[in-house]
Structures are given as C-alpha cells and as structure tokens.
Amino acid sequence: EVLQFSNGQIEKHYPDGKKEITFPDQTIKNLFTDGQEESILPDG
C-alpha cells in the first residue's frame, strides 16, 4: 500500500508489516516489524 500526501510525504506499507516513510525533506524512515527504526537523513 502506498499513500501519497499533499505535502509530498509518501508512505509505503509492505505486506510483511514494514513501513517506509519518505518525508518532504527527503528523510527516509523505516519502521521494522520487530520494533526497530532507521532514519536516513538528507545529509547521509
């Protein structure tokens, strides 16, 4: 499932429960099914 918001945010909800959110500033946040999170900021 992919949600595209008017502010440019995009969320991907995978069948296995993982979520990937791309924010308007291009920060990417991954939410894993085991509770871990990973964010990749625009500066690396």
PDB file of all heavy atoms in Angstrom:
ATOM      1  N   GLU A   1       0.849  -1.179   0.000  1.00  0.00           N
ATOM      2  CA  GLU A   1       0.000   0.000   0.000  1.00  0.00           C
ATOM      3  C   GLU A   1       0.890   1.236   0.000  1.00  0.00           C
ATOM      4  O   GLU A   1       1.855   1.312   0.760  1.00  0.00           O
ATOM      5  CB  GLU A   1      -0.908   0.029   1.237  1.00  0.00           C
ATOM      6  CG  GLU A   1      -1.912  -1.100   1.260  1.00  0.00           C
ATOM      7  CD  GLU A   1      -2.859  -1.015   2.445  1.00  0.00           C
ATOM      8  OE1 GLU A   1      -3.365   0.091   2.719  1.00  0.00           O
ATOM      9  OE2 GLU A   1      -3.058  -2.048   3.093  1.00  0.00           O
ATOM     10  N   VAL A   2       0.567   2.205  -0.856  1.00  0.00           N
ATOM     11  CA  VAL A   2       1.343   3.436  -0.950  1.00  0.00           C
ATOM     12  C   VAL A   2       0.393   4.610  -0.738  1.00  0.00           C
ATOM     13  O   VAL A   2      -0.621   4.719  -1.417  1.00  0.00           O
ATOM     14  CB  VAL A   2       2.053   3.559  -2.323  1.00  0.00           C
ATOM     15  CG1 VAL A   2       2.832   4.868  -2.407  1.00  0.00           C
ATOM     16  CG2 VAL A   2       2.979   2.369  -2.563  1.00  0.00           C
ATOM     17  N   LEU A   3       0.752   5.462   0.228  1.00  0.00           N
ATOM     18  CA  LEU A   3      -0.026   6.675   0.487  1.00  0.00           C
ATOM     19  C   LEU A   3       0.807   7.874   0.091  1.00  0.00           C
ATOM     20  O   LEU A   3       1.965   7.982   0.502  1.00  0.00           O
ATOM     21  CB  LEU A   3      -0.412   6.769   1.969  1.00  0.00           C
ATOM     22  CG  LEU A   3      -1.386   5.692   2.414  1.00  0.00           C
ATOM     23  CD1 LEU A   3      -0.684   4.674   3.275  1.00  0.00           C
ATOM     24  CD2 LEU A   3      -2.545   6.304   3.132  1.00  0.00           C
ATOM     25  N   GLN A   4       0.221   8.760  -0.709  1.00  0.00           N
ATOM     26  CA  GLN A   4       0.895   9.983  -1.143  1.00  0.00           C
ATOM     27  C   GLN A   4       0.076  11.164  -0.618  1.00  0.00           C
ATOM     28  O   GLN A   4      -1.082  11.324  -0.972  1.00  0.00           O
ATOM     29  CB  GLN A   4       0.998  10.029  -2.661  1.00  0.00           C
ATOM     30  CG  GLN A   4       1.862   8.906  -3.203  1.00  0.00           C
ATOM     31  CD  GLN A   4       1.842   8.841  -4.712  1.00  0.00           C
ATOM     32  OE1 GLN A   4       0.845   8.434  -5.299  1.00  0.00           O
ATOM     33  NE2 GLN A   4       2.929   9.235  -5.337  1.00  0.00           N
ATOM     34  N   PHE A   5       0.722  11.976   0.246  1.00  0.00           N
ATOM     35  CA  PHE A   5       0.048  13.102   0.866  1.00  0.00           C
ATOM     36  C   PHE A   5       0.327  14.390   0.097  1.00  0.00           C
ATOM     37  O   PHE A   5       1.323  14.489  -0.620  1.00  0.00           O
ATOM     38  CB  PHE A   5       0.498  13.238   2.326  1.00  0.00           C
ATOM     39  CG  PHE A   5       0.159  12.030   3.155  1.00  0.00           C
ATOM     40  CD1 PHE A   5       1.066  10.991   3.295  1.00  0.00           C
ATOM     41  CD2 PHE A   5      -1.068  11.918   3.784  1.00  0.00           C
ATOM     42  CE1 PHE A   5       0.762   9.872   4.056  1.00  0.00           C
ATOM     43  CE2 PHE A   5      -1.386  10.801   4.542  1.00  0.00           C
ATOM     44  CZ  PHE A   5      -0.474   9.778   4.676  1.00  0.00           C
ATOM     45  N   SER A   6      -0.523  15.374   0.294  1.00  0.00           N
ATOM     46  CA  SER A   6      -0.409  16.631  -0.446  1.00  0.00           C
ATOM     47  C   SER A   6       0.874  17.399  -0.119  1.00  0.00           C
ATOM     48  O   SER A   6       1.352  18.179  -0.923  1.00  0.00           O
ATOM     49  CB  SER A   6      -1.631  17.524  -0.192  1.00  0.00           C
ATOM     50  OG  SER A   6      -1.719  17.834   1.185  1.00  0.00           O
ATOM     51  N   ASN A   7       1.473  17.148   1.058  1.00  0.00           N
ATOM     52  CA  ASN A   7       2.704  17.846   1.430  1.00  0.00           C
ATOM     53  C   ASN A   7       3.949  17.179   0.850  1.00  0.00           C
ATOM     54  O   ASN A   7       5.070  17.606   1.104  1.00  0.00           O
ATOM     55  CB  ASN A   7       2.827  17.947   2.951  1.00  0.00           C
ATOM     56  CG  ASN A   7       3.027  16.600   3.624  1.00  0.00           C
ATOM     57  OD1 ASN A   7       3.007  15.542   2.987  1.00  0.00           O
ATOM     58  ND2 ASN A   7       3.214  16.621   4.928  1.00  0.00           N
ATOM     59  N   GLY A   8       3.754  16.089   0.076  1.00  0.00           N
ATOM     60  CA  GLY A   8       4.889  15.399  -0.545  1.00  0.00           C
ATOM     61  C   GLY A   8       5.333  14.160   0.212  1.00  0.00           C
ATOM     62  O   GLY A   8       6.176  13.410  -0.264  1.00  0.00           O
ATOM     63  N   GLN A   9       4.782  13.925   1.401  1.00  0.00           N
ATOM     64  CA  GLN A   9       5.139  12.728   2.161  1.00  0.00           C
ATOM     65  C   GLN A   9       4.575  11.499   1.465  1.00  0.00           C
ATOM     66  O   GLN A   9       3.452  11.512   0.977  1.00  0.00           O
ATOM     67  CB  GLN A   9       4.579  12.823   3.580  1.00  0.00           C
ATOM     68  CG  GLN A   9       4.882  11.602   4.433  1.00  0.00           C
ATOM     69  CD  GLN A   9       4.471  11.809   5.874  1.00  0.00           C
ATOM     70  OE1 GLN A   9       4.712  12.854   6.453  1.00  0.00           O
ATOM     71  NE2 GLN A   9       3.831  10.805   6.462  1.00  0.00           N
ATOM     72  N   ILE A  10       5.397  10.435   1.437  1.00  0.00           N
ATOM     73  CA  ILE A  10       4.978   9.169   0.829  1.00  0.00           C
ATOM     74  C   ILE A  10       5.215   8.060   1.850  1.00  0.00           C
ATOM     75  O   ILE A  10       6.305   7.959   2.425  1.00  0.00           O
ATOM     76  CB  ILE A  10       5.778   8.872  -0.461  1.00  0.00           C
ATOM     77  CG1 ILE A  10       5.528   9.967  -1.500  1.00  0.00           C
ATOM     78  CG2 ILE A  10       5.423   7.494  -1.013  1.00  0.00           C
ATOM     79  CD1 ILE A  10       6.417   9.871  -2.724  1.00  0.00           C
ATOM     80  N   GLU A  11       4.201   7.237   2.069  1.00  0.00           N
ATOM     81  CA  GLU A  11       4.332   6.097   2.975  1.00  0.00           C
ATOM     82  C   GLU A  11       4.105   4.818   2.184  1.00  0.00           C
ATOM     83  O   GLU A  11       3.166   4.731   1.404  1.00  0.00           O
ATOM     84  CB  GLU A  11       3.302   6.160   4.107  1.00  0.00           C
ATOM     85  CG  GLU A  11       3.536   7.270   5.083  1.00  0.00           C
ATOM     86  CD  GLU A  11       2.575   7.220   6.267  1.00  0.00           C
ATOM     87  OE1 GLU A  11       1.894   6.187   6.472  1.00  0.00           O
ATOM     88  OE2 GLU A  11       2.512   8.233   6.982  1.00  0.00           O
ATOM     89  N   LYS A  12       4.978   3.842   2.428  1.00  0.00           N
ATOM     90  CA  LYS A  12       4.809   2.518   1.832  1.00  0.00           C
ATOM     91  C   LYS A  12       4.590   1.533   2.973  1.00  0.00           C
ATOM     92  O   LYS A  12       5.416   1.449   3.879  1.00  0.00           O
ATOM     93  CB  LYS A  12       6.049   2.116   1.020  1.00  0.00           C
ATOM     94  CG  LYS A  12       6.264   2.970  -0.201  1.00  0.00           C
ATOM     95  CD  LYS A  12       7.498   2.532  -0.965  1.00  0.00           C
ATOM     96  CE  LYS A  12       7.721   3.430  -2.183  1.00  0.00           C
ATOM     97  NZ  LYS A  12       8.963   3.060  -2.890  1.00  0.00           N
ATOM     98  N   HIS A  13       3.481   0.817   2.923  1.00  0.00           N
ATOM     99  CA  HIS A  13       3.155  -0.199   3.919  1.00  0.00           C
ATOM    100  C   HIS A  13       3.273  -1.554   3.224  1.00  0.00           C
ATOM    101  O   HIS A  13       2.478  -1.862   2.334  1.00  0.00           O
ATOM    102  CB  HIS A  13       1.749   0.004   4.457  1.00  0.00           C
ATOM    103  CG  HIS A  13       1.560   1.320   5.154  1.00  0.00           C
ATOM    104  ND1 HIS A  13       0.747   1.461   6.251  1.00  0.00           N
ATOM    105  CD2 HIS A  13       2.072   2.557   4.924  1.00  0.00           C
ATOM    106  CE1 HIS A  13       0.764   2.721   6.654  1.00  0.00           C
ATOM    107  NE2 HIS A  13       1.550   3.403   5.855  1.00  0.00           N
ATOM    108  N   TYR A  14       4.275  -2.325   3.630  1.00  0.00           N
ATOM    109  CA  TYR A  14       4.537  -3.609   2.989  1.00  0.00           C
ATOM    110  C   TYR A  14       3.688  -4.718   3.602  1.00  0.00           C
ATOM    111  O   TYR A  14       3.301  -4.636   4.773  1.00  0.00           O
ATOM    112  CB  TYR A  14       6.029  -3.944   3.093  1.00  0.00           C
ATOM    113  CG  TYR A  14       6.886  -3.005   2.281  1.00  0.00           C
ATOM    114  CD1 TYR A  14       7.390  -1.831   2.843  1.00  0.00           C
ATOM    115  CD2 TYR A  14       7.161  -3.256   0.941  1.00  0.00           C
ATOM    116  CE1 TYR A  14       8.156  -0.949   2.092  1.00  0.00           C
ATOM    117  CE2 TYR A  14       7.936  -2.388   0.185  1.00  0.00           C
ATOM    118  CZ  TYR A  14       8.425  -1.235   0.771  1.00  0.00           C
ATOM    119  OH  TYR A  14       9.175  -0.367   0.022  1.00  0.00           O
ATOM    120  N   PRO A  15       3.415  -5.769   2.846  1.00  0.00           N
ATOM    121  CA  PRO A  15       2.592  -6.873   3.360  1.00  0.00           C
ATOM    122  C   PRO A  15       3.159  -7.511   4.634  1.00  0.00           C
ATOM    123  O   PRO A  15       2.414  -8.002   5.462  1.00  0.00           O
ATOM    124  CB  PRO A  15       2.580  -7.888   2.217  1.00  0.00           C
ATOM    125  CG  PRO A  15       2.929  -7.120   0.993  1.00  0.00           C
ATOM    126  CD  PRO A  15       3.796  -5.983   1.448  1.00  0.00           C
ATOM    127  N   ASP A  16       4.495  -7.493   4.797  1.00  0.00           N
ATOM    128  CA  ASP A  16       5.104  -8.110   5.980  1.00  0.00           C
ATOM    129  C   ASP A  16       5.028  -7.219   7.214  1.00  0.00           C
ATOM    130  O   ASP A  16       5.510  -7.589   8.281  1.00  0.00           O
ATOM    131  CB  ASP A  16       6.563  -8.497   5.695  1.00  0.00           C
ATOM    132  CG  ASP A  16       7.474  -7.301   5.453  1.00  0.00           C
ATOM    133  OD1 ASP A  16       7.006  -6.137   5.504  1.00  0.00           O
ATOM    134  OD2 ASP A  16       8.678  -7.525   5.221  1.00  0.00           O
ATOM    135  N   GLY A  17       4.458  -6.016   7.077  1.00  0.00           N
ATOM    136  CA  GLY A  17       4.308  -5.113   8.223  1.00  0.00           C
ATOM    137  C   GLY A  17       5.322  -3.983   8.270  1.00  0.00           C
ATOM    138  O   GLY A  17       5.167  -3.036   9.031  1.00  0.00           O
ATOM    139  N   LYS A  18       6.376  -4.057   7.480  1.00  0.00           N
ATOM    140  CA  LYS A  18       7.374  -2.990   7.432  1.00  0.00           C
ATOM    141  C   LYS A  18       6.743  -1.734   6.825  1.00  0.00           C
ATOM    142  O   LYS A  18       5.894  -1.830   5.941  1.00  0.00           O
ATOM    143  CB  LYS A  18       8.575  -3.426   6.596  1.00  0.00           C
ATOM    144  CG  LYS A  18       9.622  -2.348   6.441  1.00  0.00           C
ATOM    145  CD  LYS A  18      10.714  -2.738   5.437  1.00  0.00           C
ATOM    146  CE  LYS A  18      11.568  -1.533   5.151  1.00  0.00           C
ATOM    147  NZ  LYS A  18      12.274  -1.598   3.898  1.00  0.00           N
ATOM    148  N   LYS A  19       7.168  -0.565   7.322  1.00  0.00           N
ATOM    149  CA  LYS A  19       6.705   0.696   6.755  1.00  0.00           C
ATOM    150  C   LYS A  19       7.915   1.552   6.397  1.00  0.00           C
ATOM    151  O   LYS A  19       8.903   1.580   7.121  1.00  0.00           O
ATOM    152  CB  LYS A  19       5.831   1.459   7.750  1.00  0.00           C
ATOM    153  CG  LYS A  19       4.531   0.772   8.045  1.00  0.00           C
ATOM    154  CD  LYS A  19       3.692   1.563   9.026  1.00  0.00           C
ATOM    155  CE  LYS A  19       2.411   0.805   9.327  1.00  0.00           C
ATOM    156  NZ  LYS A  19       1.632   1.464  10.370  1.00  0.00           N
ATOM    157  N   GLU A  20       7.810   2.226   5.264  1.00  0.00           N
ATOM    158  CA  GLU A  20       8.853   3.160   4.827  1.00  0.00           C
ATOM    159  C   GLU A  20       8.174   4.501   4.565  1.00  0.00           C
ATOM    160  O   GLU A  20       7.232   4.583   3.787  1.00  0.00           O
ATOM    161  CB  GLU A  20       9.521   2.662   3.548  1.00  0.00           C
ATOM    162  CG  GLU A  20      10.575   3.608   3.003  1.00  0.00           C
ATOM    163  CD  GLU A  20      11.127   3.119   1.675  1.00  0.00           C
ATOM    164  OE1 GLU A  20      11.830   2.093   1.666  1.00  0.00           O
ATOM    165  OE2 GLU A  20      10.836   3.762   0.643  1.00  0.00           O
ATOM    166  N   ILE A  21       8.671   5.537   5.247  1.00  0.00           N
ATOM    167  CA  ILE A  21       8.092   6.877   5.100  1.00  0.00           C
ATOM    168  C   ILE A  21       9.153   7.797   4.520  1.00  0.00           C
ATOM    169  O   ILE A  21      10.258   7.885   5.052  1.00  0.00           O
ATOM    170  CB  ILE A  21       7.619   7.429   6.460  1.00  0.00           C
ATOM    171  CG1 ILE A  21       6.633   6.459   7.104  1.00  0.00           C
ATOM    172  CG2 ILE A  21       6.999   8.811   6.300  1.00  0.00           C
ATOM    173  CD1 ILE A  21       6.370   6.720   8.577  1.00  0.00           C
ATOM    174  N   THR A  22       8.817   8.461   3.417  1.00  0.00           N
ATOM    175  CA  THR A  22       9.700   9.475   2.845  1.00  0.00           C
ATOM    176  C   THR A  22       9.050  10.830   3.122  1.00  0.00           C
ATOM    177  O   THR A  22       7.944  11.091   2.657  1.00  0.00           O
ATOM    178  CB  THR A  22       9.894   9.271   1.329  1.00  0.00           C
ATOM    179  OG1 THR A  22      10.405   7.949   1.107  1.00  0.00           O
ATOM    180  CG2 THR A  22      10.879  10.294   0.758  1.00  0.00           C
ATOM    181  N   PHE A  23       9.729  11.652   3.918  1.00  0.00           N
ATOM    182  CA  PHE A  23       9.193  12.953   4.307  1.00  0.00           C
ATOM    183  C   PHE A  23       9.490  13.997   3.231  1.00  0.00           C
ATOM    184  O   PHE A  23      10.370  13.783   2.383  1.00  0.00           O
ATOM    185  CB  PHE A  23       9.784  13.373   5.656  1.00  0.00           C
ATOM    186  CG  PHE A  23       9.349  12.484   6.790  1.00  0.00           C
ATOM    187  CD1 PHE A  23      10.141  11.423   7.212  1.00  0.00           C
ATOM    188  CD2 PHE A  23       8.130  12.680   7.418  1.00  0.00           C
ATOM    189  CE1 PHE A  23       9.740  10.591   8.246  1.00  0.00           C
ATOM    190  CE2 PHE A  23       7.713  11.855   8.452  1.00  0.00           C
ATOM    191  CZ  PHE A  23       8.525  10.810   8.864  1.00  0.00           C
ATOM    192  N   PRO A  24       8.791  15.120   3.261  1.00  0.00           N
ATOM    193  CA  PRO A  24       9.020  16.165   2.247  1.00  0.00           C
ATOM    194  C   PRO A  24      10.477  16.621   2.147  1.00  0.00           C
ATOM    195  O   PRO A  24      10.934  16.974   1.076  1.00  0.00           O
ATOM    196  CB  PRO A  24       8.113  17.307   2.713  1.00  0.00           C
ATOM    197  CG  PRO A  24       7.004  16.632   3.449  1.00  0.00           C
ATOM    198  CD  PRO A  24       7.671  15.458   4.148  1.00  0.00           C
ATOM    199  N   ASP A  25      11.229  16.581   3.282  1.00  0.00           N
ATOM    200  CA  ASP A  25      12.644  16.992   3.233  1.00  0.00           C
ATOM    201  C   ASP A  25      13.552  15.872   2.735  1.00  0.00           C
ATOM    202  O   ASP A  25      14.763  15.980   2.769  1.00  0.00           O
ATOM    203  CB  ASP A  25      13.105  17.489   4.604  1.00  0.00           C
ATOM    204  CG  ASP A  25      13.227  16.371   5.643  1.00  0.00           C
ATOM    205  OD1 ASP A  25      12.878  15.207   5.344  1.00  0.00           O
ATOM    206  OD2 ASP A  25      13.684  16.670   6.768  1.00  0.00           O
ATOM    207  N   GLN A  26      12.950  14.753   2.275  1.00  0.00           N
ATOM    208  CA  GLN A  26      13.623  13.561   1.738  1.00  0.00           C
ATOM    209  C   GLN A  26      14.257  12.677   2.810  1.00  0.00           C
ATOM    210  O   GLN A  26      15.007  11.758   2.498  1.00  0.00           O
ATOM    211  CB  GLN A  26      14.658  13.923   0.658  1.00  0.00           C
ATOM    212  CG  GLN A  26      14.032  14.589  -0.562  1.00  0.00           C
ATOM    213  CD  GLN A  26      12.833  13.816  -1.106  1.00  0.00           C
ATOM    214  OE1 GLN A  26      12.946  12.667  -1.482  1.00  0.00           O
ATOM    215  NE2 GLN A  26      11.667  14.438  -1.128  1.00  0.00           N
ATOM    216  N   THR A  27      13.956  12.920   4.100  1.00  0.00           N
ATOM    217  CA  THR A  27      14.341  11.981   5.148  1.00  0.00           C
ATOM    218  C   THR A  27      13.537  10.707   4.918  1.00  0.00           C
ATOM    219  O   THR A  27      12.346  10.759   4.634  1.00  0.00           O
ATOM    220  CB  THR A  27      14.015  12.551   6.552  1.00  0.00           C
ATOM    221  OG1 THR A  27      14.827  13.695   6.784  1.00  0.00           O
ATOM    222  CG2 THR A  27      14.260  11.521   7.647  1.00  0.00           C
ATOM    223  N   ILE A  28      14.199   9.559   5.042  1.00  0.00           N
ATOM    224  CA  ILE A  28      13.526   8.268   4.879  1.00  0.00           C
ATOM    225  C   ILE A  28      13.552   7.554   6.225  1.00  0.00           C
ATOM    226  O   ILE A  28      14.608   7.383   6.830  1.00  0.00           O
ATOM    227  CB  ILE A  28      14.226   7.407   3.814  1.00  0.00           C
ATOM    228  CG1 ILE A  28      14.175   8.107   2.457  1.00  0.00           C
ATOM    229  CG2 ILE A  28      13.587   6.020   3.742  1.00  0.00           C
ATOM    230  CD1 ILE A  28      15.027   7.451   1.387  1.00  0.00           C
ATOM    231  N   LYS A  29      12.369   7.160   6.693  1.00  0.00           N
ATOM    232  CA  LYS A  29      12.262   6.435   7.962  1.00  0.00           C
ATOM    233  C   LYS A  29      11.695   5.057   7.680  1.00  0.00           C
ATOM    234  O   LYS A  29      10.666   4.925   7.037  1.00  0.00           O
ATOM    235  CB  LYS A  29      11.364   7.181   8.940  1.00  0.00           C
ATOM    236  CG  LYS A  29      11.211   6.476  10.279  1.00  0.00           C
ATOM    237  CD  LYS A  29      10.314   7.267  11.218  1.00  0.00           C
ATOM    238  CE  LYS A  29      11.099   7.591  12.461  1.00  0.00           C
ATOM    239  NZ  LYS A  29      10.328   8.366  13.411  1.00  0.00           N
ATOM    240  N   ASN A  30      12.401   4.030   8.161  1.00  0.00           N
ATOM    241  CA  ASN A  30      11.943   2.647   8.049  1.00  0.00           C
ATOM    242  C   ASN A  30      11.507   2.171   9.420  1.00  0.00           C
ATOM    243  O   ASN A  30      12.253   2.298  10.396  1.00  0.00           O
ATOM    244  CB  ASN A  30      13.073   1.745   7.536  1.00  0.00           C
ATOM    245  CG  ASN A  30      13.403   2.031   6.095  1.00  0.00           C
ATOM    246  OD1 ASN A  30      12.566   1.879   5.218  1.00  0.00           O
ATOM    247  ND2 ASN A  30      14.632   2.471   5.838  1.00  0.00           N
ATOM    248  N   LEU A  31      10.296   1.632   9.503  1.00  0.00           N
ATOM    249  CA  LEU A  31       9.773   1.061  10.741  1.00  0.00           C
ATOM    250  C   LEU A  31       9.671  -0.441  10.509  1.00  0.00           C
ATOM    251  O   LEU A  31       8.899  -0.892   9.660  1.00  0.00           O
ATOM    252  CB  LEU A  31       8.399   1.652  11.072  1.00  0.00           C
ATOM    253  CG  LEU A  31       8.343   3.173  11.186  1.00  0.00           C
ATOM    254  CD1 LEU A  31       6.912   3.664  11.271  1.00  0.00           C
ATOM    255  CD2 LEU A  31       9.132   3.640  12.397  1.00  0.00           C
ATOM    256  N   PHE A  32      10.458  -1.208  11.262  1.00  0.00           N
ATOM    257  CA  PHE A  32      10.519  -2.645  11.064  1.00  0.00           C
ATOM    258  C   PHE A  32       9.530  -3.358  11.982  1.00  0.00           C
ATOM    259  O   PHE A  32       9.153  -2.845  13.031  1.00  0.00           O
ATOM    260  CB  PHE A  32      11.947  -3.153  11.291  1.00  0.00           C
ATOM    261  CG  PHE A  32      12.941  -2.549  10.332  1.00  0.00           C
ATOM    262  CD1 PHE A  32      13.730  -1.475  10.719  1.00  0.00           C
ATOM    263  CD2 PHE A  32      13.065  -3.026   9.038  1.00  0.00           C
ATOM    264  CE1 PHE A  32      14.632  -0.902   9.833  1.00  0.00           C
ATOM    265  CE2 PHE A  32      13.966  -2.470   8.150  1.00  0.00           C
ATOM    266  CZ  PHE A  32      14.752  -1.391   8.552  1.00  0.00           C
ATOM    267  N   THR A  33       9.149  -4.561  11.603  1.00  0.00           N
ATOM    268  CA  THR A  33       8.141  -5.309  12.354  1.00  0.00           C
ATOM    269  C   THR A  33       8.623  -5.717  13.744  1.00  0.00           C
ATOM    270  O   THR A  33       7.818  -5.953  14.626  1.00  0.00           O
ATOM    271  CB  THR A  33       7.706  -6.565  11.582  1.00  0.00           C
ATOM    272  OG1 THR A  33       8.864  -7.343  11.270  1.00  0.00           O
ATOM    273  CG2 THR A  33       6.995  -6.186  10.304  1.00  0.00           C
ATOM    274  N   ASP A  34       9.943  -5.782  13.947  1.00  0.00           N
ATOM    275  CA  ASP A  34      10.471  -6.168  15.261  1.00  0.00           C
ATOM    276  C   ASP A  34      10.596  -4.978  16.205  1.00  0.00           C
ATOM    277  O   ASP A  34      11.134  -5.099  17.303  1.00  0.00           O
ATOM    278  CB  ASP A  34      11.824  -6.876  15.108  1.00  0.00           C
ATOM    279  CG  ASP A  34      12.901  -5.979  14.510  1.00  0.00           C
ATOM    280  OD1 ASP A  34      12.636  -4.792  14.232  1.00  0.00           O
ATOM    281  OD2 ASP A  34      14.024  -6.479  14.325  1.00  0.00           O
ATOM    282  N   GLY A  35      10.127  -3.787  15.769  1.00  0.00           N
ATOM    283  CA  GLY A  35      10.151  -2.604  16.639  1.00  0.00           C
ATOM    284  C   GLY A  35      11.336  -1.686  16.409  1.00  0.00           C
ATOM    285  O   GLY A  35      11.393  -0.597  16.988  1.00  0.00           O
ATOM    286  N   GLN A  36      12.278  -2.083  15.587  1.00  0.00           N
ATOM    287  CA  GLN A  36      13.428  -1.222  15.311  1.00  0.00           C
ATOM    288  C   GLN A  36      13.043  -0.146  14.293  1.00  0.00           C
ATOM    289  O   GLN A  36      12.132  -0.331  13.493  1.00  0.00           O
ATOM    290  CB  GLN A  36      14.594  -2.040  14.767  1.00  0.00           C
ATOM    291  CG  GLN A  36      15.141  -3.035  15.766  1.00  0.00           C
ATOM    292  CD  GLN A  36      16.352  -3.764  15.219  1.00  0.00           C
ATOM    293  OE1 GLN A  36      17.375  -3.154  14.957  1.00  0.00           O
ATOM    294  NE2 GLN A  36      16.214  -5.062  15.042  1.00  0.00           N
ATOM    295  N   GLU A  37      13.766   0.973  14.354  1.00  0.00           N
ATOM    296  CA  GLU A  37      13.556   2.073  13.416  1.00  0.00           C
ATOM    297  C   GLU A  37      14.896   2.490  12.829  1.00  0.00           C
ATOM    298  O   GLU A  37      15.916   2.397  13.495  1.00  0.00           O
ATOM    299  CB  GLU A  37      12.970   3.303  14.122  1.00  0.00           C
ATOM    300  CG  GLU A  37      11.599   3.120  14.680  1.00  0.00           C
ATOM    301  CD  GLU A  37      11.082   4.392  15.360  1.00  0.00           C
ATOM    302  OE1 GLU A  37      11.625   5.494  15.111  1.00  0.00           O
ATOM    303  OE2 GLU A  37      10.129   4.272  16.137  1.00  0.00           O
ATOM    304  N   GLU A  38      14.843   2.970  11.595  1.00  0.00           N
ATOM    305  CA  GLU A  38      16.042   3.504  10.956  1.00  0.00           C
ATOM    306  C   GLU A  38      15.624   4.734  10.157  1.00  0.00           C
ATOM    307  O   GLU A  38      14.657   4.690   9.402  1.00  0.00           O
ATOM    308  CB  GLU A  38      16.649   2.466  10.016  1.00  0.00           C
ATOM    309  CG  GLU A  38      17.854   2.987   9.243  1.00  0.00           C
ATOM    310  CD  GLU A  38      18.339   1.974   8.225  1.00  0.00           C
ATOM    311  OE1 GLU A  38      17.694   1.829   7.176  1.00  0.00           O
ATOM    312  OE2 GLU A  38      19.375   1.345   8.491  1.00  0.00           O
ATOM    313  N   SER A  39      16.345   5.838  10.378  1.00  0.00           N
ATOM    314  CA  SER A  39      16.090   7.061   9.617  1.00  0.00           C
ATOM    315  C   SER A  39      17.351   7.437   8.863  1.00  0.00           C
ATOM    316  O   SER A  39      18.446   7.432   9.431  1.00  0.00           O
ATOM    317  CB  SER A  39      15.694   8.218  10.542  1.00  0.00           C
ATOM    318  OG  SER A  39      14.469   7.939  11.172  1.00  0.00           O
ATOM    319  N   ILE A  40      17.178   7.754   7.581  1.00  0.00           N
ATOM    320  CA  ILE A  40      18.304   8.199   6.758  1.00  0.00           C
ATOM    321  C   ILE A  40      18.009   9.647   6.398  1.00  0.00           C
ATOM    322  O   ILE A  40      17.042   9.938   5.691  1.00  0.00           O
ATOM    323  CB  ILE A  40      18.456   7.320   5.498  1.00  0.00           C
ATOM    324  CG1 ILE A  40      18.619   5.848   5.911  1.00  0.00           C
ATOM    325  CG2 ILE A  40      19.628   7.800   4.646  1.00  0.00           C
ATOM    326  CD1 ILE A  40      18.471   4.866   4.774  1.00  0.00           C
ATOM    327  N   LEU A  41      18.839  10.552   6.930  1.00  0.00           N
ATOM    328  CA  LEU A  41      18.628  11.985   6.729  1.00  0.00           C
ATOM    329  C   LEU A  41      19.217  12.435   5.391  1.00  0.00           C
ATOM    330  O   LEU A  41      20.111  11.772   4.842  1.00  0.00           O
ATOM    331  CB  LEU A  41      19.245  12.769   7.889  1.00  0.00           C
ATOM    332  CG  LEU A  41      18.806  12.303   9.294  1.00  0.00           C
ATOM    333  CD1 LEU A  41      19.456  13.172  10.366  1.00  0.00           C
ATOM    334  CD2 LEU A  41      17.310  12.344   9.442  1.00  0.00           C
ATOM    335  N   PRO A  42      18.750  13.542   4.862  1.00  0.00           N
ATOM    336  CA  PRO A  42      19.236  14.012   3.555  1.00  0.00           C
ATOM    337  C   PRO A  42      20.754  14.196   3.482  1.00  0.00           C
ATOM    338  O   PRO A  42      21.341  14.028   2.430  1.00  0.00           O
ATOM    339  CB  PRO A  42      18.521  15.351   3.366  1.00  0.00           C
ATOM    340  CG  PRO A  42      17.285  15.243   4.191  1.00  0.00           C
ATOM    341  CD  PRO A  42      17.681  14.399   5.379  1.00  0.00           C
ATOM    342  N   ASP A  43      21.405  14.513   4.626  1.00  0.00           N
ATOM    343  CA  ASP A  43      22.854  14.710   4.604  1.00  0.00           C
ATOM    344  C   ASP A  43      23.628  13.404   4.716  1.00  0.00           C
ATOM    345  O   ASP A  43      24.852  13.394   4.771  1.00  0.00           O
ATOM    346  CB  ASP A  43      23.288  15.682   5.713  1.00  0.00           C
ATOM    347  CG  ASP A  43      23.118  15.102   7.116  1.00  0.00           C
ATOM    348  OD1 ASP A  43      22.650  13.953   7.259  1.00  0.00           O
ATOM    349  OD2 ASP A  43      23.481  15.809   8.075  1.00  0.00           O
ATOM    350  N   GLY A  44      22.911  12.265   4.772  1.00  0.00           N
ATOM    351  CA  GLY A  44      23.570  10.967   4.851  1.00  0.00           C
ATOM    352  C   GLY A  44      23.666  10.405   6.257  1.00  0.00           C
ATOM    353  O   GLY A  44      24.080   9.260   6.443  1.00  0.00           O
TER     354      GLY A  44
END
